[in-house]
Amino acid sequence: MKLITKPGDALKAMKKEKNLNKSIGILAIAGILFGISVLVSGTSLANLVPQVKTWMTGTYWAALITFLFVFVGGLFLGWLVKIVMTTLGCKGTYFEGLTAIAYPAFMLSVAGIISALVNYIPYIGSILAFLVTVILACVAFALTYRTIKELFGTDVVTAFIGLLIVWSAVAAAGAATIPGIMLAVGKIPFIAKVPGLI
């Protein structure tokens, strides 16, 4: 909560404490919350469309895959941030890179679970979900930038360039590998049986 109300103080405390295990734990919690939000959203969809109930097992797999994607992906992104920022001349370790990813991911996961829950509210659920997601996503993205700036002890331009390099590389790699990923996903047994998915 201190990250939202007093981010400067929270970042100073993080830098002083320098607890890598805490950052890994926060990332794991973010993965769990994202997985739960997938389950909640899948259950909501199953209540609306009866045919979805026949492949709810796929939703459990999707929740597990989401957790692994967020956790392992976050560990990898933290490493990328560390490499990019040290290449740009900043001083830092894996702790700084991972922390810059873990805490914003946690904030996004909170947005995801709140959005999944408020979608159950009739009429205004989707509007509330949109507002919650926009607000917390703005805070999370700003926090990523500020965390990189503060923990790596760099200026605003270098922090921005480092973040831009990481996201550009991830987007380029994602675009280049999407066809292969889609082919691999199509071979997963339970996904191939879902009507209309592939």
Protein backbone atom coordinates (compact mmCIF):
# COMPACT_ATOMS: atom_id res chain seq x y z
CA MET A 1 0.00 0.00 0.00
CA LYS A 2 2.91 2.31 0.74
CA LEU A 3 3.96 1.97 -2.90
CA ILE A 4 0.77 3.76 -3.94
CA THR A 5 0.58 6.38 -1.19
CA LYS A 6 4.30 7.13 -0.66
CA PRO A 7 6.30 5.53 -3.48
CA GLY A 8 9.49 7.47 -2.71
CA ASP A 9 9.64 6.19 0.88
CA ALA A 10 8.73 2.65 -0.19
CA LEU A 11 11.48 2.59 -2.82
CA LYS A 12 14.07 3.88 -0.34
CA ALA A 13 13.05 1.14 2.10
CA MET A 14 13.30 -1.51 -0.66
CA LYS A 15 16.74 -0.29 -1.70
CA LYS A 16 17.95 -0.34 1.90
CA GLU A 17 16.46 -3.77 2.67
CA LYS A 18 17.58 -5.33 -0.66
CA ASN A 19 15.65 -8.56 -0.09
CA LEU A 20 15.64 -10.68 -3.27
CA ASN A 21 13.46 -13.38 -1.66
CA LYS A 22 10.77 -10.81 -0.91
CA SER A 23 10.73 -9.70 -4.56
CA ILE A 24 10.47 -13.34 -5.69
CA GLY A 25 7.61 -13.86 -3.20
CA ILE A 26 5.78 -10.77 -4.47
CA LEU A 27 6.14 -12.07 -8.04
CA ALA A 28 4.80 -15.49 -6.99
CA ILE A 29 1.79 -13.82 -5.32
CA ALA A 30 1.21 -11.82 -8.51
CA GLY A 31 1.22 -15.07 -10.52
CA ILE A 32 -1.25 -16.69 -8.11
CA LEU A 33 -3.59 -13.68 -8.27
CA PHE A 34 -3.45 -13.65 -12.09
CA GLY A 35 -4.26 -17.39 -12.08
CA ILE A 36 -7.21 -16.85 -9.73
CA SER A 37 -8.51 -14.05 -11.94
CA VAL A 38 -8.42 -16.46 -14.91
CA LEU A 39 -10.46 -18.98 -12.87
CA VAL A 40 -12.96 -16.31 -11.78
CA SER A 41 -13.34 -15.05 -15.35
CA GLY A 42 -13.72 -18.60 -16.69
CA THR A 43 -16.42 -19.39 -14.13
CA SER A 44 -18.23 -16.19 -15.06
CA LEU A 45 -18.12 -17.19 -18.73
CA ALA A 46 -19.38 -20.71 -17.89
CA ASN A 47 -22.40 -19.20 -16.14
CA LEU A 48 -23.23 -17.17 -19.25
CA VAL A 49 -22.55 -19.85 -21.86
CA PRO A 50 -23.58 -23.38 -20.77
CA GLN A 51 -21.39 -25.04 -23.44
CA VAL A 52 -18.30 -23.66 -21.70
CA LYS A 53 -18.96 -25.91 -18.67
CA THR A 54 -17.94 -28.93 -20.74
CA TRP A 55 -14.37 -27.69 -21.02
CA MET A 56 -13.90 -26.00 -17.61
CA THR A 57 -10.91 -28.30 -17.06
CA GLY A 58 -9.19 -26.14 -19.66
CA THR A 59 -9.76 -23.13 -17.41
CA TYR A 60 -7.84 -24.80 -14.59
CA TRP A 61 -4.98 -25.50 -16.97
CA ALA A 62 -5.15 -21.90 -18.18
CA ALA A 63 -4.89 -20.67 -14.58
CA LEU A 64 -1.82 -22.84 -13.97
CA ILE A 65 -0.23 -21.73 -17.24
CA THR A 66 -0.99 -18.10 -16.35
CA PHE A 67 0.75 -18.50 -13.00
CA LEU A 68 3.81 -20.06 -14.64
CA PHE A 69 3.86 -17.44 -17.39
CA VAL A 70 3.73 -14.55 -14.90
CA PHE A 71 6.25 -16.09 -12.48
CA VAL A 72 8.83 -17.42 -14.94
CA GLY A 73 8.26 -14.50 -17.32
CA GLY A 74 8.75 -12.05 -14.46
CA LEU A 75 12.00 -13.73 -13.42
CA PHE A 76 13.19 -13.51 -17.03
CA LEU A 77 12.08 -9.88 -17.47
CA GLY A 78 13.89 -8.94 -14.26
CA TRP A 79 17.05 -10.44 -15.69
CA LEU A 80 16.54 -8.53 -18.97
CA VAL A 81 16.07 -5.25 -17.08
CA LYS A 82 19.30 -5.89 -15.15
CA ILE A 83 21.24 -6.66 -18.36
CA VAL A 84 19.90 -3.61 -20.22
CA MET A 85 20.44 -1.16 -17.37
CA THR A 86 23.98 -2.36 -16.60
CA THR A 87 24.79 -2.25 -20.32
CA LEU A 88 23.61 1.37 -20.33
CA GLY A 89 26.17 2.10 -17.61
CA CYS A 90 24.04 1.84 -14.46
CA LYS A 91 25.07 -0.09 -11.37
CA GLY A 92 22.72 -2.78 -10.18
CA THR A 93 22.15 -6.48 -9.63
CA TYR A 94 19.40 -8.97 -10.35
CA PHE A 95 17.58 -7.68 -7.26
CA GLU A 96 17.04 -4.26 -8.85
CA GLY A 97 15.84 -5.76 -12.14
CA LEU A 98 13.47 -8.24 -10.51
CA THR A 99 12.06 -5.71 -8.05
CA ALA A 100 11.32 -3.32 -10.93
CA ILE A 101 9.15 -6.07 -12.46
CA ALA A 102 7.70 -7.85 -9.40
CA TYR A 103 5.97 -4.97 -7.62
CA PRO A 104 4.26 -3.54 -10.73
CA ALA A 105 3.21 -7.09 -11.69
CA PHE A 106 1.63 -7.45 -8.25
CA MET A 107 -0.31 -4.23 -8.82
CA LEU A 108 -1.52 -5.46 -12.22
CA SER A 109 -2.56 -8.78 -10.66
CA VAL A 110 -4.64 -6.93 -8.07
CA ALA A 111 -6.27 -5.03 -10.94
CA GLY A 112 -6.95 -8.35 -12.69
CA ILE A 113 -8.62 -10.01 -9.73
CA ILE A 114 -10.70 -6.95 -8.82
CA SER A 115 -11.80 -6.62 -12.46
CA ALA A 116 -12.75 -10.30 -12.63
CA LEU A 117 -14.83 -9.97 -9.45
CA VAL A 118 -16.60 -6.70 -10.29
CA ASN A 119 -17.59 -8.13 -13.68
CA TYR A 120 -20.23 -10.10 -11.74
CA ILE A 121 -22.03 -6.84 -10.88
CA PRO A 122 -24.96 -6.44 -13.29
CA TYR A 123 -25.00 -3.51 -15.73
CA ILE A 124 -22.00 -1.57 -14.38
CA GLY A 125 -19.53 -4.41 -13.77
CA SER A 126 -17.61 -3.95 -17.00
CA ILE A 127 -17.36 -0.18 -16.53
CA LEU A 128 -16.03 -0.65 -12.98
CA ALA A 129 -13.59 -3.30 -14.22
CA PHE A 130 -12.34 -0.90 -16.89
CA LEU A 131 -11.85 1.93 -14.39
CA VAL A 132 -10.03 -0.26 -11.86
CA THR A 133 -7.77 -1.69 -14.55
CA VAL A 134 -6.93 1.71 -16.06
CA ILE A 135 -6.11 3.28 -12.69
CA LEU A 136 -3.97 0.41 -11.39
CA ALA A 137 -2.27 -0.14 -14.77
CA CYS A 138 -1.25 3.54 -14.86
CA VAL A 139 0.17 3.26 -11.35
CA ALA A 140 1.93 -0.03 -12.22
CA PHE A 141 3.57 1.33 -15.38
CA ALA A 142 4.65 4.53 -13.61
CA LEU A 143 5.99 2.40 -10.76
CA THR A 144 8.04 0.27 -13.17
CA TYR A 145 9.68 3.39 -14.56
CA ARG A 146 10.29 4.98 -11.18
CA THR A 147 11.60 1.76 -9.64
CA ILE A 148 14.16 1.40 -12.43
CA LYS A 149 15.17 5.04 -11.98
CA GLU A 150 15.49 4.85 -8.19
CA LEU A 151 16.97 1.37 -7.72
CA PHE A 152 19.52 1.65 -10.51
CA GLY A 153 20.30 5.23 -9.43
CA THR A 154 20.00 6.66 -12.91
CA ASP A 155 18.49 9.69 -14.61
CA VAL A 156 15.02 9.82 -16.15
CA VAL A 157 16.23 9.56 -19.75
CA THR A 158 18.36 6.45 -19.17
CA ALA A 159 15.53 4.79 -17.21
CA PHE A 160 13.10 5.55 -20.05
CA ILE A 161 15.49 4.28 -22.72
CA GLY A 162 16.19 1.10 -20.72
CA LEU A 163 12.48 0.39 -20.30
CA LEU A 164 11.87 1.13 -23.99
CA ILE A 165 14.64 -1.28 -25.02
CA VAL A 166 13.25 -4.09 -22.83
CA TRP A 167 9.64 -3.73 -24.04
CA SER A 168 10.71 -3.31 -27.69
CA ALA A 169 12.83 -6.46 -27.51
CA VAL A 170 10.00 -8.42 -25.87
CA ALA A 171 7.49 -7.18 -28.48
CA ALA A 172 9.84 -8.00 -31.38
CA ALA A 173 10.61 -11.47 -30.01
CA GLY A 174 6.91 -12.09 -29.37
CA ALA A 175 5.94 -11.06 -32.90
CA ALA A 176 8.64 -13.27 -34.38
CA THR A 177 7.63 -16.36 -32.40
CA ILE A 178 3.81 -16.10 -32.37
CA PRO A 179 3.30 -18.49 -35.34
CA GLY A 180 5.43 -21.17 -33.65
CA ILE A 181 3.66 -20.65 -30.32
CA MET A 182 0.23 -20.98 -31.96
CA LEU A 183 1.28 -24.23 -33.63
CA ALA A 184 2.57 -25.60 -30.32
CA VAL A 185 -0.60 -24.55 -28.45
CA GLY A 186 -2.73 -26.28 -31.08
CA LYS A 187 -1.02 -29.57 -30.24
CA ILE A 188 -1.97 -29.44 -26.54
CA PRO A 189 -4.61 -32.20 -26.17
CA PHE A 190 -7.33 -30.37 -24.20
CA ILE A 191 -7.08 -27.21 -26.34
CA ALA A 192 -7.47 -29.16 -29.57
CA LYS A 193 -10.80 -30.53 -28.24
CA VAL A 194 -12.29 -27.11 -27.44
CA PRO A 195 -14.80 -26.34 -30.20
CA GLY A 196 -14.15 -23.12 -32.08
CA LEU A 197 -10.83 -22.40 -30.35
CA ILE A 198 -8.57 -23.67 -33.13
